[in-house]
Amino acid sequence: MTPEPSARAFKDELYGQFARIGKCLSSDKRLELLHLLSQGPKSVEKLAKGTEMSVANVSRHLQVLLDARLVKFSKQGTYVIYTLANPEILGFLNSLWRLSESQLAEITRIKSNFMNNFEEIQTLSLNEVLNKVEDGSIILLDVRPAEEFEAGHIPGAVSVPMEELDTYLQGLPKDTRIAAYCRGPYCIFSTQAVEKMQQEGFTAFRIEEGVYEWGQTR
C-alpha cells in the first residue's frame, strides 16, 4: 500500500514549482524580454535589437523562459518567432510593474529623474486624447514598431514607428495637434517622439498609457 504523502512534502513540492517562475524572473534582461513579447510576437533577432544584447545572449535567456514555460516559439521560414506562452502572463507582468512601483520608491525616482530631462513635454490621459480623437481635434500616433501595432493597438491610432516619424511629419500642417503612445508607463518612445514633434513646431502630447491600459478600461 502506497503511503499517503505528508502535508510537508505536498507543500515543498508545490512551492518548489512556484519558485521555478520566481527564479526565472530574477533576471532584469528576462523581464525586459517578456515586456517586449507582451507587445506581440518577435524573432530572436528583433529581441536582440530591442534589448541591445547579442543573439547568443538572447537565446540563452529565452531558453530559461522556455524551461519555465513562460514563452513558446514557432518557425517562420528561417526565423524562430517567440510569443508569451499564455495571455495571463501579460496581466501578471503588469501587476508586477504596479506592485514594484508601489513598494519600491526607487522606481518613482528613476522615472522622475528621466522625465526631468523633458520639462517641456506635457502628458495627457488616454481618455482625454480619445475624446479629442473622436471630435477630430487631435491625431493619435502609435510609435511602436509596425509589427507591434499589427498585433494590437488603440482604435483610431495611426501607426508611425519612430524611424518613420520625420517623413510622416513632413506631410502635416504645423497647426496639427498630435498625441503619441508606445508600450506603456515605462516606454520612452512616446517621450522621444513628442520631443521631436515639438522641435519641429507641432503641439504634441505624451500619453503614459499603452494598449494594455486601454484594454483594462473597456
N, C-alpha and C. Protein backbone atom coordinates (compact mmCIF):
# COMPACT_ATOMS: atom_id res chain seq x y z
N MET A 1 0.85 -1.20 0.00
CA MET A 1 0.00 0.00 0.00
C MET A 1 0.89 1.25 0.00
N THR A 2 0.60 2.15 -0.94
CA THR A 2 1.42 3.36 -1.04
C THR A 2 1.07 4.31 0.09
N PRO A 3 2.09 4.77 0.87
CA PRO A 3 1.81 5.68 1.98
C PRO A 3 1.30 7.03 1.46
N GLU A 4 0.42 7.66 2.23
CA GLU A 4 -0.08 8.99 1.85
C GLU A 4 1.05 10.01 1.99
N PRO A 5 1.13 10.93 1.02
CA PRO A 5 2.16 11.96 1.13
C PRO A 5 1.86 12.88 2.31
N SER A 6 2.90 13.33 2.97
CA SER A 6 2.70 14.23 4.11
C SER A 6 2.35 15.63 3.61
N ALA A 7 1.75 16.40 4.52
CA ALA A 7 1.41 17.78 4.18
C ALA A 7 2.68 18.57 3.85
N ARG A 8 3.76 18.25 4.60
CA ARG A 8 5.02 18.97 4.37
C ARG A 8 5.57 18.67 2.99
N ALA A 9 5.53 17.41 2.58
CA ALA A 9 6.03 17.04 1.26
C ALA A 9 5.20 17.70 0.16
N PHE A 10 3.88 17.75 0.37
CA PHE A 10 2.99 18.41 -0.58
C PHE A 10 3.38 19.88 -0.75
N LYS A 11 3.57 20.58 0.38
CA LYS A 11 3.90 22.00 0.32
C LYS A 11 5.27 22.22 -0.31
N ASP A 12 6.23 21.40 0.06
CA ASP A 12 7.57 21.55 -0.50
C ASP A 12 7.56 21.39 -2.02
N GLU A 13 6.81 20.40 -2.47
CA GLU A 13 6.75 20.15 -3.91
C GLU A 13 6.02 21.29 -4.62
N LEU A 14 4.92 21.74 -4.02
CA LEU A 14 4.12 22.80 -4.62
C LEU A 14 4.89 24.11 -4.73
N TYR A 15 5.48 24.54 -3.60
CA TYR A 15 6.20 25.81 -3.61
C TYR A 15 7.49 25.72 -4.42
N GLY A 16 8.02 24.53 -4.54
CA GLY A 16 9.18 24.35 -5.41
C GLY A 16 8.84 24.66 -6.86
N GLN A 17 7.63 24.27 -7.28
CA GLN A 17 7.18 24.58 -8.63
C GLN A 17 6.93 26.07 -8.80
N PHE A 18 6.30 26.70 -7.79
CA PHE A 18 6.09 28.15 -7.85
C PHE A 18 7.43 28.87 -7.99
N ALA A 19 8.44 28.36 -7.29
CA ALA A 19 9.75 29.00 -7.29
C ALA A 19 10.41 28.97 -8.66
N ARG A 20 10.02 28.02 -9.52
CA ARG A 20 10.58 27.98 -10.88
C ARG A 20 10.32 29.29 -11.60
N ILE A 21 9.11 29.83 -11.43
CA ILE A 21 8.77 31.11 -12.06
C ILE A 21 9.58 32.23 -11.42
N GLY A 22 9.64 32.22 -10.08
CA GLY A 22 10.37 33.29 -9.39
C GLY A 22 11.84 33.32 -9.78
N LYS A 23 12.47 32.15 -9.87
CA LYS A 23 13.88 32.09 -10.26
C LYS A 23 14.07 32.60 -11.68
N CYS A 24 13.15 32.25 -12.55
CA CYS A 24 13.24 32.69 -13.94
C CYS A 24 13.17 34.21 -14.05
N LEU A 25 12.35 34.83 -13.19
CA LEU A 25 12.14 36.28 -13.26
C LEU A 25 13.19 37.08 -12.48
N SER A 26 14.21 36.41 -11.96
CA SER A 26 15.22 37.12 -11.17
C SER A 26 16.21 37.87 -12.05
N SER A 27 16.06 37.80 -13.36
CA SER A 27 16.96 38.48 -14.29
C SER A 27 16.28 39.70 -14.90
N ASP A 28 16.94 40.86 -14.81
CA ASP A 28 16.38 42.07 -15.43
C ASP A 28 16.25 41.91 -16.94
N LYS A 29 17.17 41.19 -17.55
CA LYS A 29 17.13 41.00 -19.01
C LYS A 29 15.93 40.14 -19.42
N ARG A 30 15.64 39.13 -18.62
CA ARG A 30 14.49 38.29 -18.97
C ARG A 30 13.18 39.05 -18.78
N LEU A 31 13.12 39.92 -17.77
CA LEU A 31 11.94 40.76 -17.60
C LEU A 31 11.76 41.69 -18.80
N GLU A 32 12.86 42.23 -19.31
CA GLU A 32 12.76 43.10 -20.48
C GLU A 32 12.30 42.31 -21.71
N LEU A 33 12.79 41.10 -21.87
CA LEU A 33 12.35 40.27 -22.98
C LEU A 33 10.86 39.98 -22.89
N LEU A 34 10.38 39.67 -21.70
CA LEU A 34 8.95 39.42 -21.52
C LEU A 34 8.13 40.67 -21.82
N HIS A 35 8.65 41.83 -21.42
CA HIS A 35 7.94 43.08 -21.71
C HIS A 35 7.82 43.29 -23.23
N LEU A 36 8.89 43.05 -23.95
CA LEU A 36 8.85 43.19 -25.40
C LEU A 36 7.88 42.19 -26.02
N LEU A 37 7.89 40.97 -25.53
CA LEU A 37 6.99 39.96 -26.08
C LEU A 37 5.54 40.23 -25.71
N SER A 38 5.31 41.01 -24.65
CA SER A 38 3.94 41.37 -24.29
C SER A 38 3.31 42.28 -25.34
N GLN A 39 4.16 42.87 -26.20
CA GLN A 39 3.66 43.76 -27.25
C GLN A 39 3.36 43.01 -28.54
N GLY A 40 3.76 41.75 -28.62
CA GLY A 40 3.50 40.96 -29.81
C GLY A 40 4.65 40.02 -30.12
N PRO A 41 4.44 39.07 -31.05
CA PRO A 41 5.49 38.10 -31.40
C PRO A 41 6.73 38.78 -31.96
N LYS A 42 7.90 38.15 -31.68
CA LYS A 42 9.16 38.72 -32.17
C LYS A 42 10.17 37.61 -32.44
N SER A 43 11.01 37.85 -33.42
CA SER A 43 12.12 36.94 -33.71
C SER A 43 13.24 37.17 -32.70
N VAL A 44 14.14 36.22 -32.62
CA VAL A 44 15.31 36.37 -31.74
C VAL A 44 16.10 37.61 -32.15
N GLU A 45 16.21 37.85 -33.45
CA GLU A 45 16.96 39.00 -33.95
C GLU A 45 16.32 40.32 -33.52
N LYS A 46 14.98 40.39 -33.58
CA LYS A 46 14.27 41.60 -33.15
C LYS A 46 14.45 41.83 -31.66
N LEU A 47 14.41 40.75 -30.90
CA LEU A 47 14.60 40.87 -29.46
C LEU A 47 16.01 41.32 -29.13
N ALA A 48 16.98 40.82 -29.88
CA ALA A 48 18.37 41.24 -29.67
C ALA A 48 18.54 42.73 -29.95
N LYS A 49 17.91 43.20 -31.02
CA LYS A 49 17.99 44.62 -31.37
C LYS A 49 17.30 45.47 -30.31
N GLY A 50 16.13 45.02 -29.85
CA GLY A 50 15.37 45.80 -28.89
C GLY A 50 16.00 45.89 -27.52
N THR A 51 16.78 44.88 -27.15
CA THR A 51 17.42 44.86 -25.83
C THR A 51 18.90 45.21 -25.88
N GLU A 52 19.44 45.39 -27.09
CA GLU A 52 20.87 45.68 -27.29
C GLU A 52 21.73 44.56 -26.70
N MET A 53 21.24 43.34 -26.80
CA MET A 53 22.01 42.16 -26.42
C MET A 53 22.42 41.41 -27.67
N SER A 54 23.38 40.52 -27.53
CA SER A 54 23.75 39.67 -28.66
C SER A 54 22.68 38.60 -28.86
N VAL A 55 22.61 38.07 -30.06
CA VAL A 55 21.65 36.99 -30.35
C VAL A 55 21.91 35.80 -29.44
N ALA A 56 23.19 35.51 -29.19
CA ALA A 56 23.55 34.38 -28.33
C ALA A 56 23.02 34.57 -26.91
N ASN A 57 23.16 35.79 -26.36
CA ASN A 57 22.67 36.05 -25.00
C ASN A 57 21.15 35.98 -24.94
N VAL A 58 20.50 36.55 -25.95
CA VAL A 58 19.04 36.50 -26.00
C VAL A 58 18.57 35.04 -26.04
N SER A 59 19.23 34.24 -26.86
CA SER A 59 18.85 32.83 -26.97
C SER A 59 18.99 32.10 -25.64
N ARG A 60 20.03 32.42 -24.88
CA ARG A 60 20.23 31.77 -23.58
C ARG A 60 19.09 32.16 -22.62
N HIS A 61 18.74 33.44 -22.61
CA HIS A 61 17.65 33.89 -21.73
C HIS A 61 16.32 33.28 -22.16
N LEU A 62 16.10 33.19 -23.45
CA LEU A 62 14.86 32.60 -23.94
C LEU A 62 14.74 31.13 -23.55
N GLN A 63 15.87 30.44 -23.50
CA GLN A 63 15.84 29.03 -23.10
C GLN A 63 15.37 28.90 -21.65
N VAL A 64 15.82 29.82 -20.79
CA VAL A 64 15.37 29.81 -19.40
C VAL A 64 13.87 30.07 -19.32
N LEU A 65 13.40 31.04 -20.13
CA LEU A 65 11.97 31.35 -20.15
C LEU A 65 11.16 30.17 -20.70
N LEU A 66 11.74 29.47 -21.66
CA LEU A 66 11.09 28.27 -22.19
C LEU A 66 10.98 27.18 -21.13
N ASP A 67 12.05 26.99 -20.38
CA ASP A 67 12.06 25.96 -19.34
C ASP A 67 11.00 26.23 -18.28
N ALA A 68 10.74 27.54 -18.04
CA ALA A 68 9.70 27.92 -17.06
C ALA A 68 8.33 28.01 -17.72
N ARG A 69 8.28 27.72 -19.00
CA ARG A 69 7.03 27.73 -19.78
C ARG A 69 6.34 29.08 -19.80
N LEU A 70 7.16 30.14 -19.83
CA LEU A 70 6.62 31.49 -19.92
C LEU A 70 6.55 31.97 -21.37
N VAL A 71 7.31 31.34 -22.25
CA VAL A 71 7.26 31.69 -23.67
C VAL A 71 7.13 30.41 -24.49
N LYS A 72 6.75 30.59 -25.73
CA LYS A 72 6.72 29.48 -26.68
C LYS A 72 7.21 30.02 -28.02
N PHE A 73 7.50 29.13 -28.95
CA PHE A 73 8.01 29.59 -30.23
C PHE A 73 7.43 28.79 -31.38
N SER A 74 7.54 29.39 -32.56
CA SER A 74 7.17 28.71 -33.81
C SER A 74 8.20 29.12 -34.85
N LYS A 75 8.22 28.42 -35.97
CA LYS A 75 9.18 28.74 -37.02
C LYS A 75 8.45 29.32 -38.22
N GLN A 76 9.01 30.42 -38.73
CA GLN A 76 8.50 31.03 -39.95
C GLN A 76 9.68 31.14 -40.92
N GLY A 77 9.78 30.19 -41.82
CA GLY A 77 10.93 30.16 -42.71
C GLY A 77 12.18 29.88 -41.91
N THR A 78 13.16 30.77 -42.04
CA THR A 78 14.42 30.60 -41.31
C THR A 78 14.38 31.28 -39.94
N TYR A 79 13.27 31.92 -39.61
CA TYR A 79 13.19 32.67 -38.34
C TYR A 79 12.45 31.86 -37.27
N VAL A 80 12.90 32.03 -36.03
CA VAL A 80 12.22 31.47 -34.88
C VAL A 80 11.48 32.63 -34.20
N ILE A 81 10.16 32.51 -34.09
CA ILE A 81 9.33 33.58 -33.56
C ILE A 81 8.83 33.20 -32.17
N TYR A 82 9.08 34.09 -31.21
CA TYR A 82 8.67 33.84 -29.83
C TYR A 82 7.44 34.66 -29.46
N THR A 83 6.61 34.09 -28.60
CA THR A 83 5.45 34.78 -28.04
C THR A 83 5.33 34.41 -26.56
N LEU A 84 4.51 35.15 -25.83
CA LEU A 84 4.18 34.73 -24.47
C LEU A 84 3.41 33.43 -24.54
N ALA A 85 3.64 32.56 -23.59
CA ALA A 85 3.02 31.23 -23.63
C ALA A 85 1.55 31.25 -23.24
N ASN A 86 1.13 32.30 -22.54
CA ASN A 86 -0.24 32.34 -22.03
C ASN A 86 -0.65 33.81 -21.88
N PRO A 87 -1.85 34.20 -22.31
CA PRO A 87 -2.29 35.60 -22.16
C PRO A 87 -2.27 36.08 -20.71
N GLU A 88 -2.40 35.17 -19.74
CA GLU A 88 -2.39 35.58 -18.34
C GLU A 88 -1.04 36.16 -17.92
N ILE A 89 0.01 35.84 -18.65
CA ILE A 89 1.34 36.36 -18.32
C ILE A 89 1.37 37.87 -18.48
N LEU A 90 0.62 38.39 -19.45
CA LEU A 90 0.56 39.85 -19.66
C LEU A 90 0.01 40.54 -18.43
N GLY A 91 -1.10 40.01 -17.88
CA GLY A 91 -1.66 40.60 -16.66
C GLY A 91 -0.71 40.47 -15.48
N PHE A 92 -0.03 39.33 -15.40
CA PHE A 92 0.94 39.12 -14.31
C PHE A 92 2.06 40.16 -14.38
N LEU A 93 2.58 40.39 -15.58
CA LEU A 93 3.67 41.36 -15.74
C LEU A 93 3.24 42.75 -15.31
N ASN A 94 2.06 43.15 -15.75
CA ASN A 94 1.59 44.50 -15.39
C ASN A 94 1.29 44.61 -13.90
N SER A 95 0.86 43.51 -13.27
CA SER A 95 0.71 43.52 -11.81
C SER A 95 2.07 43.65 -11.13
N LEU A 96 3.08 42.99 -11.70
CA LEU A 96 4.44 43.09 -11.16
C LEU A 96 4.96 44.52 -11.26
N TRP A 97 4.72 45.17 -12.41
CA TRP A 97 5.18 46.56 -12.57
C TRP A 97 4.51 47.46 -11.53
N ARG A 98 3.19 47.31 -11.35
CA ARG A 98 2.46 48.17 -10.41
C ARG A 98 2.89 47.91 -8.97
N LEU A 99 3.05 46.64 -8.63
CA LEU A 99 3.49 46.30 -7.28
C LEU A 99 4.88 46.86 -7.01
N SER A 100 5.77 46.71 -7.97
CA SER A 100 7.14 47.20 -7.79
C SER A 100 7.16 48.71 -7.62
N GLU A 101 6.35 49.42 -8.40
CA GLU A 101 6.34 50.88 -8.28
C GLU A 101 5.72 51.29 -6.94
N SER A 102 4.74 50.52 -6.47
CA SER A 102 4.11 50.83 -5.19
C SER A 102 5.06 50.59 -4.01
N GLN A 103 5.88 49.55 -4.11
CA GLN A 103 6.72 49.15 -2.98
C GLN A 103 8.14 49.70 -3.03
N LEU A 104 8.60 50.06 -4.21
CA LEU A 104 10.00 50.48 -4.36
C LEU A 104 10.06 51.95 -4.80
N ALA A 105 10.43 52.81 -3.86
CA ALA A 105 10.49 54.24 -4.15
C ALA A 105 11.50 54.55 -5.26
N GLU A 106 12.47 53.66 -5.43
CA GLU A 106 13.50 53.89 -6.45
C GLU A 106 12.89 53.98 -7.86
N ILE A 107 11.80 53.26 -8.11
CA ILE A 107 11.21 53.27 -9.44
C ILE A 107 10.63 54.64 -9.76
N THR A 108 9.91 55.23 -8.80
CA THR A 108 9.39 56.58 -8.99
C THR A 108 10.52 57.57 -9.18
N ARG A 109 11.59 57.39 -8.42
CA ARG A 109 12.74 58.29 -8.55
C ARG A 109 13.36 58.18 -9.94
N ILE A 110 13.53 56.95 -10.43
CA ILE A 110 14.13 56.73 -11.75
C ILE A 110 13.28 57.39 -12.83
N LYS A 111 11.95 57.19 -12.74
CA LYS A 111 11.05 57.79 -13.73
C LYS A 111 11.11 59.31 -13.68
N SER A 112 11.10 59.86 -12.46
CA SER A 112 11.13 61.32 -12.30
C SER A 112 12.43 61.91 -12.82
N ASN A 113 13.54 61.25 -12.52
CA ASN A 113 14.83 61.74 -12.99
C ASN A 113 14.89 61.76 -14.51
N PHE A 114 14.31 60.73 -15.13
CA PHE A 114 14.31 60.69 -16.59
C PHE A 114 13.44 61.79 -17.17
N MET A 115 12.23 61.96 -16.63
CA MET A 115 11.30 62.96 -17.17
C MET A 115 11.76 64.38 -16.90
N ASN A 116 12.61 64.57 -15.89
CA ASN A 116 13.15 65.91 -15.62
C ASN A 116 13.97 66.44 -16.80
N ASN A 117 14.43 65.53 -17.66
CA ASN A 117 15.18 65.94 -18.85
C ASN A 117 14.25 66.44 -19.96
N PHE A 118 12.94 66.31 -19.74
CA PHE A 118 11.96 66.69 -20.76
C PHE A 118 10.88 67.57 -20.13
N GLU A 119 11.30 68.67 -19.53
CA GLU A 119 10.39 69.51 -18.75
C GLU A 119 9.31 70.16 -19.61
N GLU A 120 9.57 70.33 -20.91
CA GLU A 120 8.60 70.99 -21.78
C GLU A 120 7.51 70.04 -22.26
N ILE A 121 7.65 68.77 -21.99
CA ILE A 121 6.70 67.79 -22.52
C ILE A 121 5.49 67.67 -21.59
N GLN A 122 4.31 67.79 -22.20
CA GLN A 122 3.06 67.67 -21.45
C GLN A 122 2.46 66.28 -21.66
N THR A 123 1.81 65.79 -20.61
CA THR A 123 1.18 64.47 -20.67
C THR A 123 -0.33 64.63 -20.58
N LEU A 124 -1.04 63.96 -21.47
CA LEU A 124 -2.49 63.89 -21.39
C LEU A 124 -2.89 62.45 -21.05
N SER A 125 -4.05 62.31 -20.41
CA SER A 125 -4.55 60.97 -20.13
C SER A 125 -5.10 60.37 -21.42
N LEU A 126 -5.14 59.06 -21.46
CA LEU A 126 -5.65 58.38 -22.64
C LEU A 126 -7.11 58.75 -22.90
N ASN A 127 -7.92 58.86 -21.85
CA ASN A 127 -9.33 59.22 -22.04
C ASN A 127 -9.48 60.61 -22.64
N GLU A 128 -8.65 61.56 -22.19
CA GLU A 128 -8.68 62.90 -22.77
C GLU A 128 -8.40 62.85 -24.27
N VAL A 129 -7.38 62.09 -24.63
CA VAL A 129 -6.98 62.01 -26.03
C VAL A 129 -8.04 61.32 -26.87
N LEU A 130 -8.62 60.23 -26.36
CA LEU A 130 -9.63 59.51 -27.12
C LEU A 130 -10.84 60.39 -27.40
N ASN A 131 -11.20 61.24 -26.45
CA ASN A 131 -12.30 62.18 -26.69
C ASN A 131 -11.94 63.17 -27.79
N LYS A 132 -10.69 63.62 -27.81
CA LYS A 132 -10.25 64.57 -28.82
C LYS A 132 -10.12 63.89 -30.19
N VAL A 133 -9.73 62.61 -30.20
CA VAL A 133 -9.68 61.86 -31.46
C VAL A 133 -11.09 61.75 -32.05
N GLU A 134 -12.06 61.53 -31.17
CA GLU A 134 -13.45 61.38 -31.63
C GLU A 134 -13.95 62.64 -32.30
N ASP A 135 -13.60 63.82 -31.74
CA ASP A 135 -14.10 65.06 -32.33
C ASP A 135 -13.16 65.62 -33.40
N GLY A 136 -12.09 64.87 -33.69
CA GLY A 136 -11.20 65.25 -34.79
C GLY A 136 -10.21 66.36 -34.48
N SER A 137 -10.02 66.67 -33.17
CA SER A 137 -9.14 67.79 -32.83
C SER A 137 -7.71 67.37 -32.55
N ILE A 138 -7.43 66.07 -32.61
CA ILE A 138 -6.07 65.60 -32.37
C ILE A 138 -5.84 64.29 -33.13
N ILE A 139 -4.58 64.06 -33.52
CA ILE A 139 -4.19 62.81 -34.16
C ILE A 139 -3.46 61.95 -33.12
N LEU A 140 -3.81 60.68 -33.07
CA LEU A 140 -3.17 59.77 -32.13
C LEU A 140 -2.18 58.88 -32.87
N LEU A 141 -0.91 58.94 -32.46
CA LEU A 141 0.13 58.13 -33.09
C LEU A 141 0.56 56.99 -32.18
N ASP A 142 0.72 55.82 -32.79
CA ASP A 142 1.33 54.66 -32.14
C ASP A 142 2.75 54.58 -32.69
N VAL A 143 3.74 54.89 -31.85
CA VAL A 143 5.12 55.00 -32.33
C VAL A 143 5.93 53.73 -32.07
N ARG A 144 5.26 52.64 -31.75
CA ARG A 144 5.94 51.35 -31.61
C ARG A 144 6.28 50.79 -33.00
N PRO A 145 7.10 49.77 -33.08
CA PRO A 145 7.35 49.11 -34.36
C PRO A 145 6.05 48.63 -34.99
N ALA A 146 6.04 48.57 -36.33
CA ALA A 146 4.82 48.25 -37.07
C ALA A 146 4.23 46.90 -36.67
N GLU A 147 5.08 45.90 -36.40
CA GLU A 147 4.54 44.58 -36.07
C GLU A 147 3.82 44.58 -34.72
N GLU A 148 4.21 45.48 -33.83
CA GLU A 148 3.51 45.58 -32.55
C GLU A 148 2.14 46.23 -32.75
N PHE A 149 2.08 47.23 -33.62
CA PHE A 149 0.79 47.84 -33.97
C PHE A 149 -0.15 46.80 -34.55
N GLU A 150 0.39 45.96 -35.44
CA GLU A 150 -0.44 44.94 -36.08
C GLU A 150 -0.93 43.90 -35.08
N ALA A 151 -0.15 43.64 -34.04
CA ALA A 151 -0.54 42.67 -33.02
C ALA A 151 -1.66 43.19 -32.14
N GLY A 152 -1.80 44.50 -32.06
CA GLY A 152 -2.86 45.11 -31.26
C GLY A 152 -2.58 46.58 -31.04
N HIS A 153 -3.63 47.42 -31.16
CA HIS A 153 -3.42 48.86 -30.99
C HIS A 153 -4.70 49.52 -30.49
N ILE A 154 -4.58 50.75 -30.08
CA ILE A 154 -5.73 51.53 -29.62
C ILE A 154 -6.52 51.99 -30.85
N PRO A 155 -7.82 51.75 -30.89
CA PRO A 155 -8.62 52.16 -32.05
C PRO A 155 -8.47 53.65 -32.35
N GLY A 156 -8.34 53.96 -33.62
CA GLY A 156 -8.18 55.35 -34.04
C GLY A 156 -6.75 55.79 -34.17
N ALA A 157 -5.83 54.96 -33.69
CA ALA A 157 -4.41 55.33 -33.75
C ALA A 157 -3.85 55.10 -35.16
N VAL A 158 -2.82 55.88 -35.49
CA VAL A 158 -2.10 55.75 -36.74
C VAL A 158 -0.72 55.17 -36.42
N SER A 159 -0.31 54.15 -37.17
CA SER A 159 1.00 53.54 -36.94
C SER A 159 2.09 54.38 -37.59
N VAL A 160 2.96 54.96 -36.75
CA VAL A 160 4.11 55.73 -37.23
C VAL A 160 5.32 55.34 -36.38
N PRO A 161 6.01 54.26 -36.73
CA PRO A 161 7.20 53.86 -35.98
C PRO A 161 8.22 55.00 -35.90
N MET A 162 9.02 55.00 -34.88
CA MET A 162 9.96 56.09 -34.63
C MET A 162 10.80 56.43 -35.86
N GLU A 163 11.26 55.41 -36.57
CA GLU A 163 12.13 55.66 -37.71
C GLU A 163 11.39 56.29 -38.90
N GLU A 164 10.06 56.31 -38.84
CA GLU A 164 9.27 56.91 -39.92
C GLU A 164 8.67 58.26 -39.53
N LEU A 165 8.96 58.71 -38.31
CA LEU A 165 8.31 59.91 -37.79
C LEU A 165 8.65 61.16 -38.60
N ASP A 166 9.90 61.34 -38.94
CA ASP A 166 10.30 62.53 -39.71
C ASP A 166 9.53 62.63 -41.02
N THR A 167 9.45 61.53 -41.74
CA THR A 167 8.74 61.52 -43.02
C THR A 167 7.26 61.82 -42.83
N TYR A 168 6.66 61.24 -41.80
CA TYR A 168 5.24 61.46 -41.55
C TYR A 168 4.95 62.92 -41.25
N LEU A 169 5.79 63.54 -40.45
CA LEU A 169 5.56 64.93 -40.05
C LEU A 169 5.64 65.89 -41.22
N GLN A 170 6.43 65.53 -42.22
CA GLN A 170 6.57 66.42 -43.38
C GLN A 170 5.25 66.63 -44.12
N GLY A 171 4.34 65.70 -43.96
CA GLY A 171 3.06 65.80 -44.66
C GLY A 171 1.96 66.45 -43.84
N LEU A 172 2.29 66.96 -42.65
CA LEU A 172 1.27 67.55 -41.77
C LEU A 172 1.44 69.06 -41.65
N PRO A 173 0.33 69.81 -41.61
CA PRO A 173 0.43 71.25 -41.31
C PRO A 173 0.87 71.46 -39.88
N LYS A 174 1.57 72.56 -39.62
CA LYS A 174 2.16 72.79 -38.30
C LYS A 174 1.12 73.00 -37.20
N ASP A 175 -0.11 73.35 -37.57
CA ASP A 175 -1.11 73.57 -36.53
C ASP A 175 -1.81 72.27 -36.10
N THR A 176 -1.33 71.14 -36.61
CA THR A 176 -1.88 69.84 -36.22
C THR A 176 -1.51 69.53 -34.77
N ARG A 177 -2.49 69.12 -34.00
CA ARG A 177 -2.24 68.68 -32.61
C ARG A 177 -2.09 67.16 -32.61
N ILE A 178 -1.06 66.68 -31.94
CA ILE A 178 -0.71 65.26 -32.01
C ILE A 178 -0.47 64.71 -30.61
N ALA A 179 -0.90 63.48 -30.38
CA ALA A 179 -0.57 62.75 -29.15
C ALA A 179 0.09 61.43 -29.54
N ALA A 180 0.98 60.96 -28.70
CA ALA A 180 1.72 59.73 -29.02
C ALA A 180 1.74 58.79 -27.82
N TYR A 181 1.61 57.49 -28.11
CA TYR A 181 1.76 56.48 -27.08
C TYR A 181 2.70 55.39 -27.57
N CYS A 182 3.21 54.58 -26.63
CA CYS A 182 4.08 53.47 -27.02
C CYS A 182 3.73 52.23 -26.19
N ARG A 183 4.68 51.72 -25.41
CA ARG A 183 4.47 50.44 -24.73
C ARG A 183 3.98 50.57 -23.29
N GLY A 184 3.51 51.73 -22.92
CA GLY A 184 3.01 51.90 -21.56
C GLY A 184 3.90 52.79 -20.71
N PRO A 185 3.70 52.78 -19.39
CA PRO A 185 4.35 53.73 -18.49
C PRO A 185 5.88 53.71 -18.48
N TYR A 186 6.50 52.60 -18.90
CA TYR A 186 7.95 52.51 -18.80
C TYR A 186 8.62 52.52 -20.17
N CYS A 187 7.92 53.03 -21.15
CA CYS A 187 8.46 53.13 -22.51
C CYS A 187 8.84 54.57 -22.79
N ILE A 188 9.97 54.78 -23.46
CA ILE A 188 10.44 56.14 -23.72
C ILE A 188 10.17 56.61 -25.15
N PHE A 189 9.67 55.73 -26.02
CA PHE A 189 9.44 56.13 -27.41
C PHE A 189 8.51 57.33 -27.51
N SER A 190 7.42 57.33 -26.75
CA SER A 190 6.46 58.43 -26.86
C SER A 190 7.09 59.75 -26.41
N THR A 191 7.92 59.69 -25.38
CA THR A 191 8.60 60.91 -24.90
C THR A 191 9.55 61.43 -25.97
N GLN A 192 10.32 60.55 -26.57
CA GLN A 192 11.25 60.96 -27.63
C GLN A 192 10.50 61.50 -28.85
N ALA A 193 9.36 60.87 -29.16
CA ALA A 193 8.57 61.31 -30.31
C ALA A 193 8.00 62.70 -30.08
N VAL A 194 7.47 62.95 -28.88
CA VAL A 194 6.90 64.26 -28.57
C VAL A 194 7.97 65.33 -28.58
N GLU A 195 9.14 65.01 -28.05
CA GLU A 195 10.24 65.98 -28.08
C GLU A 195 10.57 66.34 -29.53
N LYS A 196 10.64 65.35 -30.40
CA LYS A 196 10.93 65.59 -31.81
C LYS A 196 9.85 66.44 -32.46
N MET A 197 8.60 66.14 -32.18
CA MET A 197 7.49 66.89 -32.78
C MET A 197 7.49 68.34 -32.31
N GLN A 198 7.78 68.55 -31.04
CA GLN A 198 7.84 69.91 -30.52
C GLN A 198 8.99 70.70 -31.17
N GLN A 199 10.09 70.05 -31.38
CA GLN A 199 11.22 70.70 -32.05
C GLN A 199 10.87 71.11 -33.48
N GLU A 200 9.95 70.35 -34.09
CA GLU A 200 9.52 70.63 -35.46
C GLU A 200 8.38 71.65 -35.49
N GLY A 201 7.97 72.13 -34.34
CA GLY A 201 6.95 73.18 -34.30
C GLY A 201 5.52 72.71 -34.09
N PHE A 202 5.32 71.43 -33.80
CA PHE A 202 3.98 70.90 -33.58
C PHE A 202 3.59 71.00 -32.10
N THR A 203 2.30 71.07 -31.85
CA THR A 203 1.78 70.94 -30.50
C THR A 203 1.56 69.45 -30.26
N ALA A 204 2.33 68.88 -29.35
CA ALA A 204 2.31 67.43 -29.17
C ALA A 204 2.25 67.07 -27.70
N PHE A 205 1.65 65.93 -27.43
CA PHE A 205 1.45 65.46 -26.06
C PHE A 205 1.84 63.99 -25.94
N ARG A 206 2.33 63.66 -24.78
CA ARG A 206 2.68 62.27 -24.46
C ARG A 206 1.53 61.60 -23.73
N ILE A 207 1.31 60.33 -24.03
CA ILE A 207 0.35 59.52 -23.28
C ILE A 207 1.14 58.44 -22.55
N GLU A 208 0.92 58.33 -21.25
CA GLU A 208 1.66 57.33 -20.48
C GLU A 208 1.11 55.92 -20.69
N GLU A 209 -0.20 55.81 -20.89
CA GLU A 209 -0.83 54.50 -21.05
C GLU A 209 -0.50 53.89 -22.41
N GLY A 210 -0.64 52.57 -22.48
CA GLY A 210 -0.45 51.85 -23.73
C GLY A 210 -1.66 50.98 -24.03
N VAL A 211 -1.46 50.00 -24.89
CA VAL A 211 -2.57 49.14 -25.31
C VAL A 211 -3.15 48.35 -24.14
N TYR A 212 -2.30 47.83 -23.27
CA TYR A 212 -2.80 47.05 -22.13
C TYR A 212 -3.69 47.91 -21.25
N GLU A 213 -3.25 49.12 -20.93
CA GLU A 213 -4.03 50.01 -20.07
C GLU A 213 -5.36 50.37 -20.72
N TRP A 214 -5.32 50.60 -22.05
CA TRP A 214 -6.57 50.87 -22.76
C TRP A 214 -7.51 49.68 -22.64
N GLY A 215 -6.99 48.48 -22.80
CA GLY A 215 -7.82 47.27 -22.72
C GLY A 215 -8.47 47.10 -21.36
N GLN A 216 -7.78 47.56 -20.30
CA GLN A 216 -8.32 47.41 -18.95
C GLN A 216 -9.51 48.33 -18.69
N THR A 217 -9.66 49.36 -19.50
CA THR A 217 -10.76 50.31 -19.29
C THR A 217 -11.98 49.98 -20.12
N ARG A 218 -11.87 48.97 -21.02
CA ARG A 218 -13.01 48.68 -21.90
C ARG A 218 -14.06 47.87 -21.17
